[in-house]
């Protein structure tokens, strides 16, 4: 019985540590939506290179921290980011695999609303399963929004910066 309680405490501590920091950078993490609310996204897309499959985009994302101490904006994006502007200032960022982590330059909280502009380009991927992702055909392009093999199965990150989970509801 004592060993079971120790195991339960250890599991609880691990789960709490993995979800307590709202800015964690795990792809599609739903915990981000507990501390940052994406209020609205406006997309500016150049889809004129259908022959090459390359798109270029600017995503203007208005967001609101729900807790104090938010100093980074984690976004999911499979395409390379070129630059990120926060409230008119060019900001540094890192991009590792599917996670774009933007340095906000200061800590923000519930009294703040910020504007991020993410500039990016590339050839959006399709899901390796053959179903899902962004497709470029000679006369049109389209996105299925999901992918069978990808985890998480939502797949907006294949062509736009977002919180790619089934929790966040951000209007366009």
Protein backbone atom coordinates (compact mmCIF):
# COMPACT_ATOMS: atom_id res chain seq x y z
CA UNK A 1 0.00 0.00 0.00
CA UNK A 2 2.81 2.41 0.96
CA UNK A 3 4.59 1.69 -2.35
CA UNK A 4 1.36 2.38 -4.29
CA UNK A 5 1.01 5.76 -2.61
CA UNK A 6 4.62 6.63 -3.45
CA UNK A 7 4.04 5.64 -7.06
CA UNK A 8 0.84 7.71 -7.22
CA UNK A 9 2.64 10.74 -5.76
CA UNK A 10 5.49 10.34 -8.26
CA UNK A 11 3.10 10.09 -11.22
CA UNK A 12 1.15 13.12 -9.99
CA UNK A 13 4.35 15.14 -9.64
CA UNK A 14 5.49 14.21 -13.15
CA UNK A 15 2.13 15.14 -14.65
CA UNK A 16 2.02 18.42 -12.75
CA UNK A 17 5.53 19.33 -13.86
CA UNK A 18 4.79 18.51 -17.48
CA UNK A 19 1.63 20.62 -17.63
CA UNK A 20 2.22 23.36 -15.08
CA UNK A 21 4.29 25.65 -17.25
CA UNK A 22 1.86 27.22 -19.67
CA UNK A 23 4.47 28.05 -22.27
CA UNK A 24 5.66 24.51 -22.81
CA UNK A 25 6.70 23.89 -26.39
CA UNK A 26 5.24 20.46 -27.09
CA UNK A 27 3.52 20.45 -30.47
CA UNK A 28 -0.21 20.88 -30.14
CA UNK A 29 -0.06 21.26 -26.37
CA UNK A 30 -3.51 22.13 -25.04
CA UNK A 31 -1.96 23.67 -21.91
CA UNK A 32 -0.95 26.72 -23.94
CA UNK A 33 -4.61 27.66 -24.24
CA UNK A 34 -4.82 27.79 -20.45
CA UNK A 35 -2.37 30.68 -20.34
CA UNK A 36 -2.54 32.38 -23.74
CA UNK A 37 -5.74 33.08 -25.67
CA UNK A 38 -5.38 33.54 -29.43
CA UNK A 39 -8.07 36.13 -30.12
CA UNK A 40 -7.92 36.53 -33.89
CA UNK A 41 -5.72 35.55 -36.85
CA UNK A 42 -5.56 37.38 -40.17
CA UNK A 43 -3.76 35.56 -42.98
CA UNK A 44 -2.09 37.20 -45.96
CA UNK A 45 -1.08 34.44 -48.38
CA UNK A 46 0.76 34.40 -51.69
CA UNK A 47 -0.48 31.25 -53.42
CA UNK A 48 0.65 32.28 -56.91
CA UNK A 49 3.47 29.72 -57.19
CA UNK A 50 1.27 26.66 -57.64
CA UNK A 51 3.81 25.12 -60.00
CA UNK A 52 6.49 24.99 -57.30
CA UNK A 53 4.14 24.41 -54.38
CA UNK A 54 5.79 27.25 -52.46
CA UNK A 55 3.56 29.56 -50.45
CA UNK A 56 4.48 32.73 -48.60
CA UNK A 57 2.48 33.99 -45.69
CA UNK A 58 2.03 36.64 -43.07
CA UNK A 59 -0.08 35.64 -40.08
CA UNK A 60 -1.21 38.53 -37.87
CA UNK A 61 -2.19 36.98 -34.53
CA UNK A 62 -3.81 39.04 -31.78
CA UNK A 63 -3.39 37.32 -28.44
CA UNK A 64 -4.02 37.85 -24.75
CA UNK A 65 -2.04 36.33 -21.85
CA UNK A 66 -4.37 34.77 -19.27
CA UNK A 67 -1.72 34.56 -16.54
CA UNK A 68 1.18 36.76 -15.42
CA UNK A 69 4.73 36.15 -16.59
CA UNK A 70 4.18 35.25 -20.25
CA UNK A 71 7.50 36.07 -21.94
CA UNK A 72 7.34 33.70 -24.92
CA UNK A 73 4.76 32.86 -27.56
CA UNK A 74 4.95 29.20 -28.62
CA UNK A 75 3.36 28.48 -31.99
CA UNK A 76 3.16 25.35 -34.11
CA UNK A 77 4.47 25.75 -37.67
CA UNK A 78 6.06 23.26 -40.07
CA UNK A 79 7.25 25.91 -42.57
CA UNK A 80 10.35 28.04 -41.91
CA UNK A 81 9.66 31.40 -40.30
CA UNK A 82 11.49 34.38 -41.82
CA UNK A 83 10.79 36.95 -39.11
CA UNK A 84 8.44 37.79 -36.27
CA UNK A 85 7.23 41.23 -35.19
CA UNK A 86 5.54 41.79 -31.81
CA UNK A 87 3.67 45.07 -31.35
CA UNK A 88 5.76 46.64 -34.13
CA UNK A 89 9.15 45.42 -32.87
CA UNK A 90 11.23 42.77 -34.60
CA UNK A 91 11.71 39.92 -32.10
CA UNK A 92 14.06 36.97 -31.89
CA UNK A 93 12.75 33.43 -32.18
CA UNK A 94 13.88 29.85 -32.36
CA UNK A 95 12.33 27.20 -34.52
CA UNK A 96 12.95 23.57 -33.75
CA UNK A 97 11.07 20.93 -35.69
CA UNK A 98 7.40 21.97 -35.52
CA UNK A 99 7.68 24.57 -32.75
CA UNK A 100 8.25 28.30 -33.29
CA UNK A 101 9.15 29.94 -29.97
CA UNK A 102 9.00 33.75 -30.03
CA UNK A 103 10.71 35.89 -27.41
CA UNK A 104 8.25 38.63 -26.43
CA UNK A 105 11.00 40.86 -24.99
CA UNK A 106 9.26 41.25 -21.62
CA UNK A 107 6.80 39.46 -19.38
CA UNK A 108 3.11 40.14 -19.98
CA UNK A 109 -0.10 39.33 -18.15
CA UNK A 110 -3.91 39.51 -18.22
CA UNK A 111 -3.96 43.29 -18.62
CA UNK A 112 -2.12 43.02 -21.97
CA UNK A 113 -3.20 42.31 -25.55
CA UNK A 114 -0.44 41.83 -28.09
CA UNK A 115 -0.12 41.57 -31.85
CA UNK A 116 2.29 39.11 -33.49
CA UNK A 117 3.08 39.14 -37.19
CA UNK A 118 4.78 35.95 -38.36
CA UNK A 119 6.33 35.97 -41.84
CA UNK A 120 7.01 32.53 -43.34
CA UNK A 121 7.34 30.58 -46.58
CA UNK A 122 7.83 27.08 -47.94
CA UNK A 123 6.21 24.04 -49.46
CA UNK A 124 3.52 22.87 -47.02
CA UNK A 125 3.74 19.16 -46.34
CA UNK A 126 1.17 16.47 -46.78
CA UNK A 127 0.81 13.75 -44.18
CA UNK A 128 3.02 10.69 -44.81
CA UNK A 129 -0.13 8.51 -44.64
CA UNK A 130 -1.24 10.01 -47.94
CA UNK A 131 -4.26 11.66 -46.35
CA UNK A 132 -3.96 15.03 -44.71
CA UNK A 133 -2.08 18.28 -44.92
CA UNK A 134 -1.83 20.89 -47.63
CA UNK A 135 -2.15 19.93 -51.30
CA UNK A 136 -0.95 21.88 -54.33
CA UNK A 137 -2.39 20.93 -57.70
CA UNK A 138 -1.91 22.71 -61.05
CA UNK A 139 -5.11 24.76 -60.76
CA UNK A 140 -5.77 24.99 -57.03
CA UNK A 141 -4.48 24.44 -53.50
CA UNK A 142 -6.34 23.12 -50.48
CA UNK A 143 -5.85 21.96 -46.91
CA UNK A 144 -7.61 19.07 -45.20
CA UNK A 145 -6.78 20.39 -41.73
CA UNK A 146 -6.13 16.92 -40.35
CA UNK A 147 -3.60 14.14 -40.83
CA UNK A 148 -3.82 10.44 -39.98
CA UNK A 149 -0.15 9.83 -39.10
CA UNK A 150 0.65 13.18 -37.48
CA UNK A 151 0.42 13.65 -33.74
CA UNK A 152 -1.64 15.57 -32.93
CA UNK A 153 -4.00 14.76 -35.80
CA UNK A 154 -4.90 18.42 -36.31
CA UNK A 155 -2.59 19.72 -39.05
CA UNK A 156 -3.05 23.46 -39.43
CA UNK A 157 0.66 23.81 -38.58
CA UNK A 158 1.41 22.48 -42.07
CA UNK A 159 0.65 25.90 -43.52
CA UNK A 160 0.00 28.51 -40.79
CA UNK A 161 1.35 29.40 -37.34
CA UNK A 162 -1.17 28.39 -34.67
CA UNK A 163 -1.88 26.49 -31.48
CA UNK A 164 -2.47 23.25 -33.36
CA UNK A 165 -4.78 21.49 -30.94
CA UNK A 166 -8.47 20.71 -30.65
CA UNK A 167 -8.89 23.11 -27.70
CA UNK A 168 -8.01 26.53 -29.13
CA UNK A 169 -10.76 28.33 -31.04
CA UNK A 170 -9.26 31.28 -32.88
CA UNK A 171 -11.40 33.08 -35.46
CA UNK A 172 -9.98 34.24 -38.78
